Amino acid sequence: MDIKDIKLIYDYNYWATKRLITTAARLSVEQFIAPTHFPHGSLRGTFTHLLDAEYGWRMLCQQGIETKDMTEDEFPTLDALEIRWLDEEVAMRAYLNSLKDEDMTGITRYTTPSGLKRERVLWHCLYHVTNHSTQHRSEAAAILTDLGHSPGDFDFSMFMLEKK
């Protein structure tokens, strides 16, 4: 995988996330923070988990440091979360712009919270972030749909059609 491909995947990732945020803006604060049956609780919890994963993996890949988990309380509103997410997008894009094709096969080393030492190829880590986001965006879309606000289609093929 080359850097051009990774950047395209991240373009899609941010496009899809923005569709969810735009849809979520129609919710009341009570709906945004209401508990659900999904693993991260509320829609706010799901979004916080997504943002935290993007930030955490970037910091690990870019600087080799592990970060403290973000909490829902840091984001009392969707606007607060969106502002932080936009900052993270800028930082991630800057990081991706600093990479070259040969960097994609470099090794990222880290220790899991349970103490396991791991090594991963950089592009695998970068791809994991977007794949992880796809899973949790699906949960967020289900939450929004349950609340009567389906975000509609956000398949990669839809992104490519809009991109043309």
Foldseek 3Di string as FASTA:
>chain_A
DWLVVLVLLVVLLVVLVVLLLVLCVPDDLCQQQQADPDPQGGLLSLLQVLQQLLVQLCCCLPPVDGDDRDDSVCDSDSVSSVVSSVVSSVVVVVSSVVDGRVQQQDWGWDADPVGRIDIDRNVVSSVVSSVVSVVSSVVSQVSSVVVVRHSPDSDSVVVVVVVD
